[in-house]
Amino acid sequence: MVIKTGILCVPAYDENAVTAVRRLLVGSAPGCVVLLDHAVTMQRHLIEEVLRRWADEDELDLIVTLGGTMPAPGPSGREIVPDATLAVAERLLPGLPETMRALAQERAPLAILDRSVAAIRGRTLILNLPAGAAAATLFLESVVEVIATVVVWLQED
């Protein structure tokens, strides 16, 4: 089975993080192929638009976002990727971000402040990761082995 994947960077393209996440996904999630990688600015409607298009029109199996997950004051326009993800989500998978934060905080105590979410839209898994290659891979390492299983479940029906 091929896991068609897209990586969305917010607010700017991070080549090191994309390369690290791509390497981890391809090496640890059987069948994972990164077909799209792109960046959008920290504007909620743009993030939502890409998530919808990649899930609904491009029919990706997995969308990984990089960045925009840390706390921000009030209704700030910063760090809004989890909010955009929730806006397009049909269902949540809270166990994935809970596991990511719990295991990451053993090496990086501030990981518990991360607001990442995991959600389902149609047959697509959307997974938020923090910015930067080190943080993104730290979070992803804890759940990468279940990604293929989740994608298979979403494709059944």
N, C-alpha and C. Protein backbone atom coordinates (compact mmCIF):
# COMPACT_ATOMS: atom_id res chain seq x y z
N MET A 1 0.84 -1.19 0.00
CA MET A 1 0.00 0.00 0.00
C MET A 1 0.88 1.25 0.00
N VAL A 2 0.52 2.22 -0.82
CA VAL A 2 1.22 3.50 -0.88
C VAL A 2 0.49 4.49 0.03
N ILE A 3 1.26 5.21 0.83
CA ILE A 3 0.70 6.26 1.69
C ILE A 3 1.08 7.59 1.05
N LYS A 4 0.13 8.17 0.31
CA LYS A 4 0.37 9.45 -0.37
C LYS A 4 0.41 10.56 0.68
N THR A 5 1.54 11.26 0.73
CA THR A 5 1.80 12.19 1.83
C THR A 5 2.13 13.59 1.33
N GLY A 6 1.69 14.58 2.09
CA GLY A 6 2.06 15.97 1.86
C GLY A 6 2.62 16.57 3.14
N ILE A 7 3.61 17.44 3.00
CA ILE A 7 4.20 18.13 4.15
C ILE A 7 3.97 19.62 3.95
N LEU A 8 3.29 20.24 4.91
CA LEU A 8 2.97 21.66 4.84
C LEU A 8 3.73 22.41 5.92
N CYS A 9 4.59 23.34 5.50
CA CYS A 9 5.37 24.17 6.43
C CYS A 9 4.65 25.49 6.67
N VAL A 10 4.61 25.92 7.92
CA VAL A 10 4.00 27.19 8.30
C VAL A 10 4.93 27.87 9.29
N PRO A 11 5.34 29.09 9.11
CA PRO A 11 4.96 30.04 8.09
C PRO A 11 5.91 30.09 6.89
N ALA A 12 6.99 29.32 6.92
CA ALA A 12 7.96 29.36 5.81
C ALA A 12 8.52 27.96 5.58
N TYR A 13 8.99 27.74 4.39
CA TYR A 13 9.55 26.43 4.04
C TYR A 13 10.83 26.19 4.83
N ASP A 14 10.91 25.03 5.45
CA ASP A 14 12.08 24.65 6.24
C ASP A 14 12.66 23.38 5.63
N GLU A 15 13.65 23.55 4.78
CA GLU A 15 14.21 22.43 4.04
C GLU A 15 14.77 21.34 4.95
N ASN A 16 15.45 21.76 6.02
CA ASN A 16 16.02 20.77 6.96
C ASN A 16 14.92 19.95 7.63
N ALA A 17 13.86 20.61 8.06
CA ALA A 17 12.76 19.90 8.72
C ALA A 17 12.04 18.98 7.73
N VAL A 18 11.78 19.47 6.53
CA VAL A 18 11.11 18.64 5.52
C VAL A 18 11.96 17.41 5.21
N THR A 19 13.25 17.60 5.04
CA THR A 19 14.14 16.47 4.74
C THR A 19 14.15 15.46 5.88
N ALA A 20 14.23 15.95 7.11
CA ALA A 20 14.26 15.05 8.28
C ALA A 20 12.95 14.28 8.43
N VAL A 21 11.83 14.98 8.27
CA VAL A 21 10.53 14.33 8.40
C VAL A 21 10.32 13.34 7.25
N ARG A 22 10.67 13.73 6.05
CA ARG A 22 10.56 12.84 4.89
C ARG A 22 11.38 11.56 5.13
N ARG A 23 12.60 11.72 5.58
CA ARG A 23 13.48 10.58 5.84
C ARG A 23 12.87 9.64 6.88
N LEU A 24 12.35 10.21 7.96
CA LEU A 24 11.76 9.40 9.02
C LEU A 24 10.50 8.68 8.53
N LEU A 25 9.65 9.38 7.81
CA LEU A 25 8.42 8.76 7.30
C LEU A 25 8.72 7.64 6.32
N VAL A 26 9.57 7.92 5.35
CA VAL A 26 9.88 6.92 4.32
C VAL A 26 10.60 5.72 4.93
N GLY A 27 11.43 5.97 5.93
CA GLY A 27 12.17 4.88 6.56
C GLY A 27 11.38 4.07 7.58
N SER A 28 10.32 4.66 8.15
CA SER A 28 9.63 3.99 9.25
C SER A 28 8.16 3.70 9.01
N ALA A 29 7.55 4.34 8.04
CA ALA A 29 6.13 4.10 7.73
C ALA A 29 6.07 3.40 6.38
N PRO A 30 5.89 2.08 6.37
CA PRO A 30 5.92 1.33 5.12
C PRO A 30 4.98 1.91 4.06
N GLY A 31 5.51 2.13 2.87
CA GLY A 31 4.72 2.62 1.75
C GLY A 31 4.60 4.13 1.66
N CYS A 32 5.17 4.86 2.61
CA CYS A 32 5.03 6.31 2.61
C CYS A 32 5.82 6.94 1.48
N VAL A 33 5.13 7.78 0.69
CA VAL A 33 5.75 8.51 -0.40
C VAL A 33 5.32 9.97 -0.28
N VAL A 34 6.27 10.88 -0.15
CA VAL A 34 5.94 12.30 -0.05
C VAL A 34 5.78 12.85 -1.46
N LEU A 35 4.54 13.20 -1.79
CA LEU A 35 4.21 13.71 -3.12
C LEU A 35 4.22 15.23 -3.20
N LEU A 36 3.89 15.88 -2.08
CA LEU A 36 3.78 17.34 -2.06
C LEU A 36 4.49 17.89 -0.83
N ASP A 37 5.18 19.00 -1.02
CA ASP A 37 5.64 19.80 0.12
C ASP A 37 5.51 21.25 -0.29
N HIS A 38 5.08 22.05 0.66
CA HIS A 38 4.69 23.42 0.35
C HIS A 38 4.77 24.24 1.64
N ALA A 39 4.78 25.54 1.50
CA ALA A 39 4.73 26.45 2.65
C ALA A 39 3.63 27.47 2.44
N VAL A 40 3.00 27.85 3.53
CA VAL A 40 2.04 28.95 3.51
C VAL A 40 2.35 29.86 4.70
N THR A 41 1.95 31.11 4.55
CA THR A 41 2.14 32.06 5.64
C THR A 41 1.18 31.73 6.78
N MET A 42 1.40 32.35 7.91
CA MET A 42 0.59 32.10 9.10
C MET A 42 -0.75 32.82 8.97
N GLN A 43 -1.55 32.39 8.00
CA GLN A 43 -2.90 32.91 7.81
C GLN A 43 -3.84 31.73 7.81
N ARG A 44 -4.74 31.75 8.77
CA ARG A 44 -5.59 30.58 9.00
C ARG A 44 -6.35 30.13 7.76
N HIS A 45 -6.93 31.06 7.01
CA HIS A 45 -7.71 30.65 5.85
C HIS A 45 -6.85 29.97 4.78
N LEU A 46 -5.59 30.37 4.65
CA LEU A 46 -4.70 29.72 3.69
C LEU A 46 -4.33 28.31 4.14
N ILE A 47 -4.07 28.15 5.42
CA ILE A 47 -3.75 26.83 5.97
C ILE A 47 -4.94 25.90 5.77
N GLU A 48 -6.12 26.37 6.13
CA GLU A 48 -7.33 25.56 5.97
C GLU A 48 -7.56 25.19 4.51
N GLU A 49 -7.33 26.13 3.62
CA GLU A 49 -7.53 25.88 2.19
C GLU A 49 -6.62 24.75 1.69
N VAL A 50 -5.35 24.79 2.07
CA VAL A 50 -4.42 23.74 1.64
C VAL A 50 -4.81 22.39 2.25
N LEU A 51 -5.14 22.37 3.52
CA LEU A 51 -5.53 21.12 4.16
C LEU A 51 -6.75 20.52 3.47
N ARG A 52 -7.75 21.34 3.18
CA ARG A 52 -8.95 20.86 2.48
C ARG A 52 -8.62 20.34 1.09
N ARG A 53 -7.85 21.11 0.34
CA ARG A 53 -7.51 20.72 -1.04
C ARG A 53 -6.71 19.43 -1.07
N TRP A 54 -5.71 19.32 -0.20
CA TRP A 54 -4.89 18.12 -0.18
C TRP A 54 -5.70 16.89 0.24
N ALA A 55 -6.63 17.06 1.17
CA ALA A 55 -7.45 15.93 1.62
C ALA A 55 -8.54 15.59 0.61
N ASP A 56 -9.26 16.59 0.16
CA ASP A 56 -10.46 16.37 -0.66
C ASP A 56 -10.17 16.20 -2.15
N GLU A 57 -9.31 17.04 -2.70
CA GLU A 57 -9.05 17.01 -4.14
C GLU A 57 -7.85 16.14 -4.50
N ASP A 58 -6.75 16.32 -3.78
CA ASP A 58 -5.54 15.54 -4.08
C ASP A 58 -5.60 14.15 -3.44
N GLU A 59 -6.55 13.95 -2.54
CA GLU A 59 -6.78 12.66 -1.88
C GLU A 59 -5.52 12.07 -1.26
N LEU A 60 -4.78 12.93 -0.55
CA LEU A 60 -3.62 12.43 0.19
C LEU A 60 -4.10 11.58 1.36
N ASP A 61 -3.29 10.60 1.72
CA ASP A 61 -3.60 9.74 2.87
C ASP A 61 -3.12 10.36 4.17
N LEU A 62 -2.03 11.13 4.08
CA LEU A 62 -1.40 11.71 5.26
C LEU A 62 -0.94 13.13 4.93
N ILE A 63 -1.29 14.05 5.81
CA ILE A 63 -0.78 15.43 5.73
C ILE A 63 -0.08 15.71 7.04
N VAL A 64 1.18 16.11 6.95
CA VAL A 64 1.97 16.48 8.12
C VAL A 64 2.23 17.98 8.03
N THR A 65 1.89 18.71 9.10
CA THR A 65 2.21 20.13 9.13
C THR A 65 3.44 20.32 10.01
N LEU A 66 4.24 21.32 9.67
CA LEU A 66 5.45 21.65 10.43
C LEU A 66 5.36 23.11 10.85
N GLY A 67 5.28 23.34 12.17
CA GLY A 67 5.29 24.71 12.69
C GLY A 67 3.92 25.20 13.11
N GLY A 68 3.93 26.31 13.84
CA GLY A 68 2.70 26.99 14.23
C GLY A 68 1.90 26.30 15.32
N THR A 69 2.59 25.58 16.24
CA THR A 69 1.86 24.80 17.24
C THR A 69 2.09 25.24 18.68
N MET A 70 2.90 26.25 18.90
CA MET A 70 3.20 26.65 20.28
C MET A 70 2.16 27.65 20.80
N PRO A 71 2.15 27.90 22.11
CA PRO A 71 1.17 28.85 22.67
C PRO A 71 1.37 30.26 22.11
N ALA A 72 0.27 30.97 21.99
CA ALA A 72 0.29 32.38 21.58
C ALA A 72 -0.80 33.09 22.37
N PRO A 73 -0.66 34.39 22.60
CA PRO A 73 -1.64 35.10 23.42
C PRO A 73 -2.99 35.28 22.73
N GLY A 74 -4.06 35.08 23.49
CA GLY A 74 -5.42 35.38 23.05
C GLY A 74 -5.74 34.95 21.63
N PRO A 75 -6.46 35.79 20.89
CA PRO A 75 -6.83 35.44 19.52
C PRO A 75 -5.73 35.82 18.53
N SER A 76 -4.51 35.56 18.89
CA SER A 76 -3.36 35.91 18.07
C SER A 76 -3.42 35.26 16.70
N GLY A 77 -2.81 35.89 15.72
CA GLY A 77 -2.69 35.33 14.39
C GLY A 77 -1.49 34.42 14.28
N ARG A 78 -0.74 34.27 15.37
CA ARG A 78 0.44 33.40 15.37
C ARG A 78 0.08 32.03 15.93
N GLU A 79 0.87 31.04 15.55
CA GLU A 79 0.75 29.69 16.12
C GLU A 79 -0.67 29.14 16.00
N ILE A 80 -1.24 29.20 14.80
CA ILE A 80 -2.65 28.85 14.60
C ILE A 80 -2.88 27.56 13.81
N VAL A 81 -1.83 26.79 13.59
CA VAL A 81 -1.99 25.57 12.81
C VAL A 81 -2.96 24.58 13.47
N PRO A 82 -2.89 24.35 14.79
CA PRO A 82 -3.88 23.44 15.39
C PRO A 82 -5.31 23.95 15.21
N ASP A 83 -5.50 25.25 15.29
CA ASP A 83 -6.84 25.82 15.13
C ASP A 83 -7.36 25.62 13.71
N ALA A 84 -6.48 25.80 12.72
CA ALA A 84 -6.85 25.57 11.32
C ALA A 84 -7.15 24.09 11.10
N THR A 85 -6.37 23.23 11.71
CA THR A 85 -6.61 21.79 11.57
C THR A 85 -7.95 21.42 12.18
N LEU A 86 -8.25 21.95 13.36
CA LEU A 86 -9.54 21.66 13.99
C LEU A 86 -10.71 22.16 13.14
N ALA A 87 -10.51 23.27 12.43
CA ALA A 87 -11.57 23.83 11.60
C ALA A 87 -11.93 22.92 10.43
N VAL A 88 -10.98 22.13 9.93
CA VAL A 88 -11.26 21.25 8.79
C VAL A 88 -11.47 19.80 9.22
N ALA A 89 -11.25 19.50 10.49
CA ALA A 89 -11.33 18.12 11.00
C ALA A 89 -12.77 17.63 11.07
N GLU A 90 -12.92 16.35 10.82
CA GLU A 90 -14.21 15.69 11.03
C GLU A 90 -14.19 14.88 12.32
N ARG A 91 -13.02 14.35 12.68
CA ARG A 91 -12.84 13.59 13.91
C ARG A 91 -11.42 13.82 14.41
N LEU A 92 -11.23 13.64 15.70
CA LEU A 92 -9.90 13.79 16.29
C LEU A 92 -9.32 12.44 16.69
N LEU A 93 -8.00 12.38 16.73
CA LEU A 93 -7.26 11.23 17.23
C LEU A 93 -6.37 11.73 18.37
N PRO A 94 -6.93 11.98 19.55
CA PRO A 94 -6.16 12.61 20.62
C PRO A 94 -4.99 11.79 21.13
N GLY A 95 -5.02 10.48 20.97
CA GLY A 95 -3.93 9.65 21.47
C GLY A 95 -2.59 9.94 20.81
N LEU A 96 -2.60 10.34 19.54
CA LEU A 96 -1.34 10.62 18.85
C LEU A 96 -0.62 11.84 19.44
N PRO A 97 -1.26 13.01 19.51
CA PRO A 97 -0.53 14.15 20.10
C PRO A 97 -0.24 13.98 21.59
N GLU A 98 -1.12 13.27 22.30
CA GLU A 98 -0.84 13.01 23.71
C GLU A 98 0.45 12.20 23.85
N THR A 99 0.59 11.18 23.02
CA THR A 99 1.79 10.34 23.04
C THR A 99 3.02 11.14 22.63
N MET A 100 2.87 11.94 21.58
CA MET A 100 4.01 12.75 21.12
C MET A 100 4.51 13.66 22.22
N ARG A 101 3.60 14.38 22.88
CA ARG A 101 4.00 15.31 23.94
C ARG A 101 4.61 14.57 25.13
N ALA A 102 3.99 13.46 25.52
CA ALA A 102 4.46 12.72 26.69
C ALA A 102 5.88 12.21 26.49
N LEU A 103 6.15 11.63 25.33
CA LEU A 103 7.48 11.09 25.10
C LEU A 103 8.50 12.18 24.80
N ALA A 104 8.09 13.24 24.10
CA ALA A 104 9.02 14.33 23.78
C ALA A 104 9.43 15.09 25.04
N GLN A 105 8.54 15.22 26.00
CA GLN A 105 8.86 16.01 27.19
C GLN A 105 9.93 15.35 28.04
N GLU A 106 10.20 14.07 27.83
CA GLU A 106 11.29 13.41 28.55
C GLU A 106 12.63 14.00 28.14
N ARG A 107 12.75 14.44 26.89
CA ARG A 107 14.01 15.04 26.40
C ARG A 107 13.93 16.56 26.30
N ALA A 108 12.73 17.08 26.17
CA ALA A 108 12.53 18.52 26.03
C ALA A 108 11.33 18.92 26.89
N PRO A 109 11.53 19.34 28.14
CA PRO A 109 10.43 19.61 29.06
C PRO A 109 9.36 20.57 28.53
N LEU A 110 9.73 21.52 27.67
CA LEU A 110 8.74 22.47 27.14
C LEU A 110 7.83 21.85 26.09
N ALA A 111 8.07 20.61 25.72
CA ALA A 111 7.21 19.92 24.75
C ALA A 111 5.77 19.84 25.23
N ILE A 112 5.56 19.85 26.53
CA ILE A 112 4.18 19.76 27.04
C ILE A 112 3.36 21.00 26.69
N LEU A 113 4.02 22.08 26.26
CA LEU A 113 3.30 23.29 25.87
C LEU A 113 2.80 23.24 24.43
N ASP A 114 3.28 22.28 23.66
CA ASP A 114 2.90 22.18 22.26
C ASP A 114 1.40 21.91 22.14
N ARG A 115 0.76 22.51 21.12
CA ARG A 115 -0.69 22.40 20.93
C ARG A 115 -1.07 21.50 19.75
N SER A 116 -0.14 20.72 19.23
CA SER A 116 -0.41 19.87 18.08
C SER A 116 -1.66 19.02 18.26
N VAL A 117 -2.35 18.77 17.14
CA VAL A 117 -3.49 17.88 17.13
C VAL A 117 -3.30 16.86 16.00
N ALA A 118 -4.06 15.79 16.09
CA ALA A 118 -4.14 14.80 15.02
C ALA A 118 -5.62 14.67 14.69
N ALA A 119 -5.94 14.71 13.40
CA ALA A 119 -7.34 14.72 13.01
C ALA A 119 -7.55 13.90 11.74
N ILE A 120 -8.80 13.58 11.52
CA ILE A 120 -9.21 12.88 10.31
C ILE A 120 -10.13 13.78 9.52
N ARG A 121 -9.87 13.88 8.23
CA ARG A 121 -10.78 14.55 7.29
C ARG A 121 -11.00 13.56 6.16
N GLY A 122 -12.21 13.06 6.05
CA GLY A 122 -12.48 12.04 5.04
C GLY A 122 -11.65 10.81 5.32
N ARG A 123 -10.75 10.49 4.39
CA ARG A 123 -9.85 9.33 4.55
C ARG A 123 -8.41 9.78 4.77
N THR A 124 -8.25 11.03 5.21
CA THR A 124 -6.92 11.61 5.39
C THR A 124 -6.60 11.84 6.86
N LEU A 125 -5.40 11.43 7.25
CA LEU A 125 -4.88 11.71 8.58
C LEU A 125 -4.08 13.00 8.50
N ILE A 126 -4.40 13.96 9.37
CA ILE A 126 -3.66 15.22 9.46
C ILE A 126 -2.95 15.23 10.80
N LEU A 127 -1.64 15.43 10.76
CA LEU A 127 -0.82 15.38 11.96
C LEU A 127 0.02 16.65 12.06
N ASN A 128 -0.16 17.42 13.14
CA ASN A 128 0.63 18.63 13.37
C ASN A 128 1.91 18.27 14.10
N LEU A 129 3.02 18.87 13.66
CA LEU A 129 4.31 18.73 14.32
C LEU A 129 4.87 20.12 14.58
N PRO A 130 5.68 20.29 15.60
CA PRO A 130 6.29 21.59 15.87
C PRO A 130 7.33 21.94 14.81
N ALA A 131 7.76 23.18 14.82
CA ALA A 131 8.76 23.68 13.87
C ALA A 131 10.14 23.13 14.17
N GLY A 132 10.95 23.04 13.13
CA GLY A 132 12.35 22.64 13.28
C GLY A 132 12.54 21.15 13.14
N ALA A 133 13.65 20.77 12.53
CA ALA A 133 13.93 19.36 12.27
C ALA A 133 14.01 18.54 13.55
N ALA A 134 14.71 19.05 14.56
CA ALA A 134 14.90 18.29 15.80
C ALA A 134 13.57 18.07 16.52
N ALA A 135 12.79 19.13 16.67
CA ALA A 135 11.51 19.01 17.38
C ALA A 135 10.52 18.16 16.59
N ALA A 136 10.44 18.38 15.30
CA ALA A 136 9.48 17.63 14.47
C ALA A 136 9.78 16.14 14.51
N THR A 137 11.05 15.77 14.35
CA THR A 137 11.38 14.35 14.37
C THR A 137 11.23 13.75 15.77
N LEU A 138 11.52 14.52 16.80
CA LEU A 138 11.33 14.04 18.17
C LEU A 138 9.86 13.66 18.39
N PHE A 139 8.96 14.51 17.95
CA PHE A 139 7.53 14.24 18.10
C PHE A 139 7.11 13.08 17.21
N LEU A 140 7.53 13.10 15.96
CA LEU A 140 7.10 12.08 15.00
C LEU A 140 7.60 10.69 15.35
N GLU A 141 8.82 10.59 15.90
CA GLU A 141 9.38 9.28 16.25
C GLU A 141 8.46 8.46 17.14
N SER A 142 7.71 9.11 18.00
CA SER A 142 6.89 8.39 18.97
C SER A 142 5.62 7.79 18.37
N VAL A 143 5.21 8.24 17.17
CA VAL A 143 3.96 7.73 16.58
C VAL A 143 4.13 7.20 15.16
N VAL A 144 5.31 7.33 14.58
CA VAL A 144 5.48 6.99 13.16
C VAL A 144 5.12 5.54 12.87
N GLU A 145 5.34 4.65 13.82
CA GLU A 145 5.08 3.23 13.57
C GLU A 145 3.59 2.90 13.48
N VAL A 146 2.70 3.77 13.96
CA VAL A 146 1.26 3.49 13.86
C VAL A 146 0.61 4.20 12.68
N ILE A 147 1.35 5.05 11.99
CA ILE A 147 0.76 5.82 10.89
C ILE A 147 0.20 4.90 9.81
N ALA A 148 0.94 3.90 9.39
CA ALA A 148 0.45 3.00 8.34
C ALA A 148 -0.83 2.30 8.78
N THR A 149 -0.90 1.90 10.04
CA THR A 149 -2.11 1.24 10.55
C THR A 149 -3.31 2.17 10.51
N VAL A 150 -3.12 3.42 10.93
CA VAL A 150 -4.21 4.39 10.91
C VAL A 150 -4.67 4.62 9.47
N VAL A 151 -3.75 4.80 8.56
CA VAL A 151 -4.10 5.04 7.16
C VAL A 151 -4.88 3.85 6.59
N VAL A 152 -4.46 2.64 6.89
CA VAL A 152 -5.20 1.45 6.42
C VAL A 152 -6.62 1.46 6.96
N TRP A 153 -6.80 1.75 8.24
CA TRP A 153 -8.14 1.82 8.82
C TRP A 153 -9.00 2.86 8.11
N LEU A 154 -8.40 4.00 7.79
CA LEU A 154 -9.18 5.07 7.14
C LEU A 154 -9.57 4.70 5.72
N GLN A 155 -8.81 3.83 5.08
CA GLN A 155 -9.11 3.44 3.70
C GLN A 155 -10.16 2.34 3.62
N GLU A 156 -10.40 1.64 4.74
CA GLU A 156 -11.39 0.57 4.75
C GLU A 156 -12.79 1.16 4.73
N ASP A 157 -13.66 0.51 4.04
CA ASP A 157 -15.11 0.84 3.99
C ASP A 157 -15.72 0.26 2.77
